[in-house]
Each structure stands twice: as structure tokens, then as C-alpha cells.
Amino acid sequence: MEMLDFFKCDEDFNNYLYVITGFSYSFRVTSSRQTEKGEEYGVFYQVKPETKDDGFFDWYHFKMPERQYFRTKTEAVLRFTMQWLQWHRSKGLNFFK
């Protein structure tokens, strides 16, 4: 098992994100992404809210419009979580005591 492949199914990802954020998310799959070097083709994953969340996704989309599509679901979730924690702290909230 690779380090970035420790979730067994999409439900594991959703449960993980729900525990962290309190909202349900799912994956959007696309065949291209825009990078600083131009358009890249392949299979890329983006984490998107299933319903409106507490404003985080709007912030994330505005802050990183070209850095939301990743080669693995796990990388997408880890980057999403890292940004969620940064956003949470920027609001003066501390997730980890």
C-alpha cells in the first residue's frame, strides 16, 4: 500500500472530511487541469461540497482556483484538509488544542 492510498473507498474520504469539517464532500473528476505551465491532461480529482458548507469552499476556490485538482483522491483530501485548517485558524478558531 502506498502512503497516499490509505483510504479504502470514497465513503472513508467522506467520513474523514465530515469528522474534520462537519460537512459532506464528494469528488469531482476531470480530464484536464490548468497549471502555471499550461493545461495538463490526465485524471484529476477535486473535493467539492455536497451541499453548501460554512463558506470554506468559496474561500478555497477563490484562494486557489488552479490548485484544486490532484492526481489522487488522497492528495486532494489532504490538501483540502490543510487549507481548511488554515482557513479555520484565520477565523480565530483553533481546531487542535
Protein backbone atom coordinates (compact mmCIF):
# COMPACT_ATOMS: atom_id res chain seq x y z
CA MET A 1 0.00 0.00 0.00
CA GLU A 2 1.33 3.40 -0.99
CA MET A 3 1.47 6.14 1.60
CA LEU A 4 -1.07 8.24 -0.33
CA ASP A 5 -3.53 5.37 -0.72
CA PHE A 6 -4.70 4.70 2.82
CA PHE A 7 -8.43 5.30 2.34
CA LYS A 8 -10.24 2.20 1.11
CA CYS A 9 -13.28 3.86 -0.54
CA ASP A 10 -14.98 7.19 -1.15
CA GLU A 11 -17.08 6.68 1.98
CA ASP A 12 -13.85 6.70 4.03
CA PHE A 13 -12.92 10.07 2.50
CA ASN A 14 -16.38 11.48 3.16
CA ASN A 15 -16.37 10.24 6.76
CA TYR A 16 -12.91 11.72 7.33
CA LEU A 17 -13.91 15.12 5.94
CA TYR A 18 -17.19 15.09 7.84
CA VAL A 19 -15.39 14.45 11.14
CA ILE A 20 -12.96 17.30 10.42
CA THR A 21 -15.33 19.88 8.89
CA GLY A 22 -18.86 18.88 9.84
CA PHE A 23 -19.91 18.84 6.17
CA SER A 24 -20.22 16.19 3.48
CA TYR A 25 -18.00 16.38 0.42
CA SER A 26 -17.58 14.31 -2.71
CA PHE A 27 -15.18 14.11 -5.64
CA ARG A 28 -15.40 15.79 -8.98
CA VAL A 29 -13.30 14.09 -11.67
CA THR A 30 -11.91 15.94 -14.65
CA SER A 31 -9.60 15.03 -17.53
CA SER A 32 -7.56 18.25 -17.53
CA ARG A 33 -6.31 20.91 -15.20
CA GLN A 34 -4.78 24.34 -15.62
CA THR A 35 -1.33 24.87 -14.10
CA GLU A 36 1.25 27.65 -14.19
CA LYS A 37 2.85 25.81 -17.14
CA GLY A 38 -0.40 25.45 -19.10
CA GLU A 39 -3.04 22.79 -19.49
CA GLU A 40 -2.26 19.26 -18.31
CA TYR A 41 -4.23 16.14 -19.26
CA GLY A 42 -4.97 13.01 -17.24
CA VAL A 43 -7.34 12.08 -14.43
CA PHE A 44 -7.63 14.69 -11.69
CA TYR A 45 -9.76 14.88 -8.54
CA GLN A 46 -11.32 17.85 -6.80
CA VAL A 47 -13.13 17.83 -3.44
CA LYS A 48 -16.48 19.66 -3.61
CA PRO A 49 -19.23 20.14 -1.02
CA GLU A 50 -22.36 18.03 -1.49
CA THR A 51 -24.41 20.94 -0.11
CA LYS A 52 -23.50 24.48 0.83
CA ASP A 53 -20.84 24.45 3.53
CA ASP A 54 -19.93 27.20 6.01
CA GLY A 55 -18.11 29.34 3.43
CA PHE A 56 -14.88 27.42 3.31
CA PHE A 57 -15.26 26.13 -0.24
CA ASP A 58 -15.88 29.65 -1.58
CA TRP A 59 -12.70 30.84 0.17
CA TYR A 60 -10.74 27.81 -1.07
CA HIS A 61 -11.96 28.26 -4.64
CA PHE A 62 -11.05 31.97 -4.61
CA LYS A 63 -7.66 31.47 -2.94
CA MET A 64 -6.52 28.51 -5.06
CA PRO A 65 -8.55 28.36 -8.29
CA GLU A 66 -5.83 26.49 -10.20
CA ARG A 67 -4.62 24.32 -7.30
CA GLN A 68 -7.67 22.17 -6.57
CA TYR A 69 -7.22 19.25 -8.96
CA PHE A 70 -4.92 16.41 -7.94
CA ARG A 71 -3.74 13.09 -9.34
CA THR A 72 -5.04 11.06 -6.38
CA LYS A 73 -8.10 11.34 -4.19
CA THR A 74 -5.93 11.17 -1.11
CA GLU A 75 -3.80 14.11 -2.22
CA ALA A 76 -6.97 16.10 -2.94
CA VAL A 77 -8.32 15.35 0.54
CA LEU A 78 -5.03 16.10 2.31
CA ARG A 79 -4.59 19.43 0.51
CA PHE A 80 -8.25 20.28 1.12
CA THR A 81 -7.88 19.49 4.82
CA MET A 82 -4.67 21.52 5.09
CA GLN A 83 -6.42 24.54 3.54
CA TRP A 84 -9.48 24.01 5.74
CA LEU A 85 -7.27 24.14 8.85
CA GLN A 86 -5.57 27.31 7.58
CA TRP A 87 -8.96 28.92 6.90
CA HIS A 88 -10.25 27.83 10.31
CA ARG A 89 -7.25 29.41 12.06
CA SER A 90 -7.60 32.61 10.00
CA LYS A 91 -11.06 33.00 11.55
CA GLY A 92 -9.51 32.81 15.01
CA LEU A 93 -10.64 29.26 15.65
CA ASN A 94 -8.24 26.56 16.77
CA PHE A 95 -9.22 23.07 15.67
CA PHE A 96 -6.34 21.42 17.55
CA LYS A 97 -5.96 22.44 21.16
